[in-house]
Amino acid sequence: MADVRRQLRSGTVVLGGMGLLAAALTACSSDPDKRCVDRDSYRAGKGYQVVSDKNCTSAKSTVDAGYYYGGKKRSGWVKGGSFTKSGGGGGSSSGGHSVHRGGFGGGHGSSGG
């Protein structure tokens, strides 16, 4: 009976270790088209202004920064991408210290009917 418990315990350790390894590899994957931008800087002809990555990773940022995926970068500005990693429009985004959610109503002062 003790052998069975020991085998189960070691199997759990191996499976737990594999989960941690998978999470670490996923977190370390590179996103070459991921850029930190100032969400409040949008200009119709230019897009969003690219800012330092520390603005997306620090809660002490002075700008409303978030990661912007895809698009084309030109002269410190990027446009044609999305705040969602999959490249789709809308949805939610998590960039450092701020989370913006969309959907029906979007929470922008709209009322239901």
N, C-alpha and C. Protein backbone atom coordinates (compact mmCIF):
# COMPACT_ATOMS: atom_id res chain seq x y z
N MET A 1 0.83 -1.21 0.00
CA MET A 1 0.00 0.00 0.00
C MET A 1 0.87 1.26 0.00
N ALA A 2 1.97 1.24 0.75
CA ALA A 2 2.87 2.39 0.80
C ALA A 2 3.50 2.64 -0.57
N ASP A 3 3.79 1.55 -1.32
CA ASP A 3 4.37 1.72 -2.65
C ASP A 3 3.41 2.44 -3.59
N VAL A 4 2.12 2.12 -3.50
CA VAL A 4 1.12 2.75 -4.36
C VAL A 4 1.04 4.24 -4.05
N ARG A 5 1.04 4.61 -2.76
CA ARG A 5 1.00 6.02 -2.38
C ARG A 5 2.24 6.76 -2.86
N ARG A 6 3.38 6.14 -2.75
CA ARG A 6 4.63 6.76 -3.18
C ARG A 6 4.60 7.00 -4.70
N GLN A 7 4.07 6.03 -5.45
CA GLN A 7 3.99 6.20 -6.90
C GLN A 7 3.04 7.32 -7.26
N LEU A 8 1.91 7.41 -6.58
CA LEU A 8 0.96 8.49 -6.86
C LEU A 8 1.57 9.84 -6.54
N ARG A 9 2.28 9.93 -5.43
CA ARG A 9 2.91 11.18 -5.05
C ARG A 9 3.96 11.61 -6.07
N SER A 10 4.77 10.69 -6.52
CA SER A 10 5.80 11.05 -7.50
C SER A 10 5.18 11.40 -8.84
N GLY A 11 4.08 10.76 -9.20
CA GLY A 11 3.38 11.11 -10.45
C GLY A 11 2.81 12.51 -10.38
N THR A 12 2.31 12.89 -9.22
CA THR A 12 1.76 14.23 -9.04
C THR A 12 2.87 15.27 -9.16
N VAL A 13 4.02 14.99 -8.60
CA VAL A 13 5.15 15.91 -8.69
C VAL A 13 5.58 16.09 -10.14
N VAL A 14 5.64 15.00 -10.89
CA VAL A 14 6.04 15.08 -12.30
C VAL A 14 5.02 15.89 -13.09
N LEU A 15 3.72 15.61 -12.88
CA LEU A 15 2.69 16.35 -13.61
C LEU A 15 2.69 17.82 -13.23
N GLY A 16 2.87 18.12 -11.95
CA GLY A 16 2.94 19.51 -11.52
C GLY A 16 4.13 20.22 -12.12
N GLY A 17 5.25 19.54 -12.17
CA GLY A 17 6.45 20.12 -12.78
C GLY A 17 6.27 20.39 -14.25
N MET A 18 5.57 19.51 -14.94
CA MET A 18 5.32 19.72 -16.37
C MET A 18 4.43 20.94 -16.58
N GLY A 19 3.45 21.14 -15.70
CA GLY A 19 2.59 22.32 -15.80
C GLY A 19 3.37 23.61 -15.62
N LEU A 20 4.28 23.61 -14.64
CA LEU A 20 5.11 24.79 -14.42
C LEU A 20 6.02 25.06 -15.61
N LEU A 21 6.57 24.00 -16.18
CA LEU A 21 7.43 24.15 -17.36
C LEU A 21 6.64 24.74 -18.53
N ALA A 22 5.44 24.22 -18.74
CA ALA A 22 4.60 24.73 -19.84
C ALA A 22 4.25 26.20 -19.63
N ALA A 23 3.93 26.57 -18.39
CA ALA A 23 3.60 27.96 -18.10
C ALA A 23 4.80 28.87 -18.32
N ALA A 24 5.97 28.40 -17.91
CA ALA A 24 7.19 29.20 -18.09
C ALA A 24 7.51 29.39 -19.56
N LEU A 25 7.37 28.35 -20.36
CA LEU A 25 7.66 28.46 -21.79
C LEU A 25 6.68 29.39 -22.48
N THR A 26 5.42 29.33 -22.08
CA THR A 26 4.41 30.20 -22.67
C THR A 26 4.70 31.66 -22.32
N ALA A 27 5.07 31.90 -21.07
CA ALA A 27 5.34 33.27 -20.64
C ALA A 27 6.58 33.85 -21.32
N CYS A 28 7.52 33.00 -21.70
CA CYS A 28 8.75 33.47 -22.31
C CYS A 28 8.68 33.55 -23.83
N SER A 29 7.55 33.23 -24.41
CA SER A 29 7.45 33.29 -25.86
C SER A 29 7.57 34.74 -26.31
N SER A 30 8.19 34.94 -27.44
CA SER A 30 8.41 36.30 -27.92
C SER A 30 7.28 36.72 -28.85
N ASP A 31 6.90 37.97 -28.73
CA ASP A 31 5.90 38.56 -29.61
C ASP A 31 6.57 39.71 -30.34
N PRO A 32 7.13 39.45 -31.52
CA PRO A 32 7.86 40.51 -32.20
C PRO A 32 7.00 41.69 -32.61
N ASP A 33 5.69 41.48 -32.71
CA ASP A 33 4.81 42.57 -33.12
C ASP A 33 4.08 43.20 -31.93
N LYS A 34 4.55 42.98 -30.71
CA LYS A 34 3.93 43.54 -29.51
C LYS A 34 4.66 44.83 -29.15
N ARG A 35 3.90 45.91 -29.06
CA ARG A 35 4.49 47.21 -28.73
C ARG A 35 3.69 47.86 -27.61
N CYS A 36 4.39 48.55 -26.74
CA CYS A 36 3.74 49.30 -25.67
C CYS A 36 3.37 50.68 -26.23
N VAL A 37 2.09 51.02 -26.11
CA VAL A 37 1.62 52.30 -26.65
C VAL A 37 0.83 53.07 -25.59
N ASP A 38 0.73 54.38 -25.82
CA ASP A 38 -0.10 55.25 -24.99
C ASP A 38 -1.52 55.21 -25.57
N ARG A 39 -2.45 54.65 -24.80
CA ARG A 39 -3.83 54.50 -25.29
C ARG A 39 -4.51 55.84 -25.57
N ASP A 40 -4.08 56.89 -24.90
CA ASP A 40 -4.71 58.20 -25.06
C ASP A 40 -4.10 59.03 -26.19
N SER A 41 -3.14 58.47 -26.91
CA SER A 41 -2.42 59.25 -27.93
C SER A 41 -2.95 59.05 -29.34
N TYR A 42 -4.06 58.39 -29.53
CA TYR A 42 -4.52 58.04 -30.88
C TYR A 42 -4.74 59.27 -31.75
N ARG A 43 -4.21 59.20 -32.97
CA ARG A 43 -4.41 60.22 -34.00
C ARG A 43 -4.87 59.49 -35.26
N ALA A 44 -5.86 60.02 -35.93
CA ALA A 44 -6.46 59.35 -37.09
C ALA A 44 -5.45 58.99 -38.17
N GLY A 45 -4.52 59.84 -38.46
CA GLY A 45 -3.55 59.58 -39.52
C GLY A 45 -2.34 58.77 -39.09
N LYS A 46 -2.09 58.74 -37.77
CA LYS A 46 -0.88 58.10 -37.28
C LYS A 46 -1.12 56.82 -36.50
N GLY A 47 -2.18 56.74 -35.73
CA GLY A 47 -2.44 55.60 -34.86
C GLY A 47 -2.08 55.93 -33.43
N TYR A 48 -1.38 55.00 -32.73
CA TYR A 48 -1.00 55.19 -31.34
C TYR A 48 0.50 55.44 -31.22
N GLN A 49 0.88 56.29 -30.27
CA GLN A 49 2.28 56.59 -30.05
C GLN A 49 2.93 55.46 -29.25
N VAL A 50 4.07 54.96 -29.74
CA VAL A 50 4.81 53.91 -29.06
C VAL A 50 5.59 54.54 -27.91
N VAL A 51 5.50 53.91 -26.72
CA VAL A 51 6.20 54.39 -25.54
C VAL A 51 7.09 53.27 -25.00
N SER A 52 7.89 53.57 -24.02
CA SER A 52 8.80 52.60 -23.42
C SER A 52 8.03 51.43 -22.81
N ASP A 53 8.59 50.21 -22.91
CA ASP A 53 7.96 49.02 -22.35
C ASP A 53 7.73 49.13 -20.85
N LYS A 54 8.53 49.90 -20.16
CA LYS A 54 8.36 50.02 -18.71
C LYS A 54 7.00 50.64 -18.36
N ASN A 55 6.40 51.39 -19.29
CA ASN A 55 5.07 51.95 -19.06
C ASN A 55 4.00 50.86 -19.02
N CYS A 56 4.25 49.74 -19.70
CA CYS A 56 3.28 48.64 -19.72
C CYS A 56 3.51 47.66 -18.57
N THR A 57 4.65 47.71 -17.94
CA THR A 57 4.96 46.74 -16.89
C THR A 57 4.94 47.35 -15.50
N SER A 58 4.88 48.65 -15.38
CA SER A 58 4.92 49.30 -14.08
C SER A 58 3.57 49.92 -13.74
N ALA A 59 3.17 49.76 -12.49
CA ALA A 59 1.92 50.37 -12.03
C ALA A 59 2.10 51.87 -11.80
N LYS A 60 3.33 52.35 -11.84
CA LYS A 60 3.62 53.76 -11.59
C LYS A 60 3.73 54.57 -12.87
N SER A 61 3.25 54.04 -13.97
CA SER A 61 3.34 54.72 -15.26
C SER A 61 2.52 56.01 -15.24
N THR A 62 3.01 57.03 -15.94
CA THR A 62 2.31 58.30 -16.02
C THR A 62 1.36 58.36 -17.21
N VAL A 63 1.37 57.33 -18.06
CA VAL A 63 0.47 57.28 -19.21
C VAL A 63 -0.40 56.04 -19.12
N ASP A 64 -1.53 56.06 -19.79
CA ASP A 64 -2.41 54.90 -19.85
C ASP A 64 -1.87 53.98 -20.95
N ALA A 65 -0.93 53.13 -20.58
CA ALA A 65 -0.23 52.31 -21.56
C ALA A 65 -0.83 50.91 -21.65
N GLY A 66 -0.67 50.30 -22.81
CA GLY A 66 -1.11 48.94 -23.04
C GLY A 66 -0.38 48.35 -24.22
N TYR A 67 -0.38 47.02 -24.30
CA TYR A 67 0.29 46.36 -25.41
C TYR A 67 -0.60 46.37 -26.64
N TYR A 68 0.00 46.66 -27.78
CA TYR A 68 -0.69 46.75 -29.07
C TYR A 68 -0.03 45.73 -29.99
N TYR A 69 -0.82 44.85 -30.55
CA TYR A 69 -0.30 43.74 -31.36
C TYR A 69 -0.51 44.00 -32.85
N GLY A 70 0.51 43.69 -33.62
CA GLY A 70 0.42 43.82 -35.07
C GLY A 70 0.56 45.27 -35.50
N GLY A 71 0.06 45.55 -36.65
CA GLY A 71 0.12 46.90 -37.18
C GLY A 71 1.48 47.22 -37.77
N LYS A 72 1.58 48.43 -38.26
CA LYS A 72 2.82 48.89 -38.87
C LYS A 72 3.34 50.09 -38.09
N LYS A 73 4.63 50.04 -37.77
CA LYS A 73 5.25 51.12 -37.02
C LYS A 73 5.94 52.07 -37.98
N ARG A 74 5.69 53.36 -37.75
CA ARG A 74 6.32 54.39 -38.58
C ARG A 74 6.57 55.63 -37.73
N SER A 75 7.81 56.03 -37.61
CA SER A 75 8.21 57.25 -36.89
C SER A 75 7.67 57.31 -35.46
N GLY A 76 7.75 56.21 -34.73
CA GLY A 76 7.32 56.20 -33.34
C GLY A 76 5.83 56.05 -33.14
N TRP A 77 5.09 55.75 -34.20
CA TRP A 77 3.65 55.56 -34.13
C TRP A 77 3.32 54.21 -34.75
N VAL A 78 2.23 53.58 -34.31
CA VAL A 78 1.81 52.30 -34.88
C VAL A 78 0.31 52.32 -35.12
N LYS A 79 -0.09 51.76 -36.25
CA LYS A 79 -1.52 51.67 -36.55
C LYS A 79 -1.80 50.41 -37.34
N GLY A 80 -3.06 50.01 -37.37
CA GLY A 80 -3.48 48.85 -38.13
C GLY A 80 -3.44 47.55 -37.35
N GLY A 81 -3.24 47.62 -36.04
CA GLY A 81 -3.19 46.42 -35.21
C GLY A 81 -4.38 46.36 -34.27
N SER A 82 -4.16 45.74 -33.11
CA SER A 82 -5.24 45.55 -32.16
C SER A 82 -4.68 45.43 -30.75
N PHE A 83 -5.49 45.72 -29.75
CA PHE A 83 -5.10 45.53 -28.36
C PHE A 83 -5.30 44.08 -27.91
N THR A 84 -5.87 43.25 -28.76
CA THR A 84 -6.02 41.84 -28.44
C THR A 84 -4.93 41.05 -29.13
N LYS A 85 -4.38 40.06 -28.44
CA LYS A 85 -3.24 39.31 -28.95
C LYS A 85 -3.57 38.54 -30.22
N SER A 86 -4.81 38.08 -30.35
CA SER A 86 -5.18 37.29 -31.52
C SER A 86 -5.29 38.12 -32.79
N GLY A 87 -5.30 39.43 -32.64
CA GLY A 87 -5.39 40.30 -33.81
C GLY A 87 -6.81 40.69 -34.16
N GLY A 88 -7.79 40.14 -33.43
CA GLY A 88 -9.18 40.50 -33.65
C GLY A 88 -9.50 41.85 -33.05
N GLY A 89 -10.61 42.41 -33.38
CA GLY A 89 -10.98 43.71 -32.87
C GLY A 89 -11.72 43.63 -31.56
N GLY A 90 -11.66 44.69 -30.77
CA GLY A 90 -12.42 44.80 -29.54
C GLY A 90 -11.96 43.85 -28.47
N GLY A 91 -12.89 43.50 -27.57
CA GLY A 91 -12.58 42.54 -26.53
C GLY A 91 -11.90 43.18 -25.35
N SER A 92 -11.03 42.42 -24.71
CA SER A 92 -10.37 42.92 -23.52
C SER A 92 -8.87 42.93 -23.73
N SER A 93 -8.22 43.71 -22.92
CA SER A 93 -6.78 43.78 -23.01
C SER A 93 -6.21 43.92 -21.62
N SER A 94 -5.08 43.32 -21.38
CA SER A 94 -4.41 43.47 -20.10
C SER A 94 -2.99 43.92 -20.38
N GLY A 95 -2.74 45.17 -20.13
CA GLY A 95 -1.42 45.69 -20.38
C GLY A 95 -0.85 46.34 -19.14
N GLY A 96 -0.15 45.60 -18.34
CA GLY A 96 0.45 46.15 -17.15
C GLY A 96 -0.57 46.43 -16.08
N HIS A 97 -0.92 47.70 -15.88
CA HIS A 97 -1.75 48.06 -14.75
C HIS A 97 -3.19 48.38 -15.12
N SER A 98 -3.57 48.34 -16.36
CA SER A 98 -4.93 48.71 -16.72
C SER A 98 -5.60 47.62 -17.54
N VAL A 99 -6.90 47.48 -17.33
CA VAL A 99 -7.68 46.52 -18.10
C VAL A 99 -8.88 47.24 -18.64
N HIS A 100 -9.08 47.19 -19.94
CA HIS A 100 -10.23 47.81 -20.59
C HIS A 100 -11.11 46.71 -21.16
N ARG A 101 -12.38 46.76 -20.88
CA ARG A 101 -13.28 45.73 -21.35
C ARG A 101 -14.32 46.33 -22.28
N GLY A 102 -14.66 45.59 -23.31
CA GLY A 102 -15.68 46.03 -24.25
C GLY A 102 -16.89 45.13 -24.16
N GLY A 103 -17.70 45.14 -25.17
CA GLY A 103 -18.89 44.29 -25.17
C GLY A 103 -20.12 45.13 -25.34
N PHE A 104 -21.27 44.55 -25.05
CA PHE A 104 -22.53 45.27 -25.18
C PHE A 104 -22.58 46.36 -24.14
N GLY A 105 -22.72 47.58 -24.59
CA GLY A 105 -22.72 48.70 -23.66
C GLY A 105 -21.32 49.23 -23.40
N GLY A 106 -20.39 48.34 -23.18
CA GLY A 106 -19.00 48.72 -23.00
C GLY A 106 -18.71 49.51 -21.75
N GLY A 107 -19.72 49.80 -20.93
CA GLY A 107 -19.49 50.53 -19.69
C GLY A 107 -19.15 51.98 -19.91
N HIS A 108 -19.59 52.58 -21.01
CA HIS A 108 -19.27 53.97 -21.31
C HIS A 108 -20.51 54.84 -21.19
N GLY A 109 -21.22 54.68 -20.11
CA GLY A 109 -22.37 55.54 -19.86
C GLY A 109 -23.61 55.17 -20.65
N SER A 110 -23.62 54.02 -21.28
CA SER A 110 -24.82 53.65 -22.04
C SER A 110 -25.82 53.00 -21.12
N SER A 111 -27.08 53.09 -21.47
CA SER A 111 -28.10 52.46 -20.65
C SER A 111 -28.87 51.45 -21.49
N GLY A 112 -29.32 50.42 -20.82
CA GLY A 112 -30.06 49.36 -21.52
C GLY A 112 -31.48 49.80 -21.84
N GLY A 113 -32.13 49.03 -22.67
CA GLY A 113 -33.47 49.46 -23.04
C GLY A 113 -34.49 48.43 -22.89
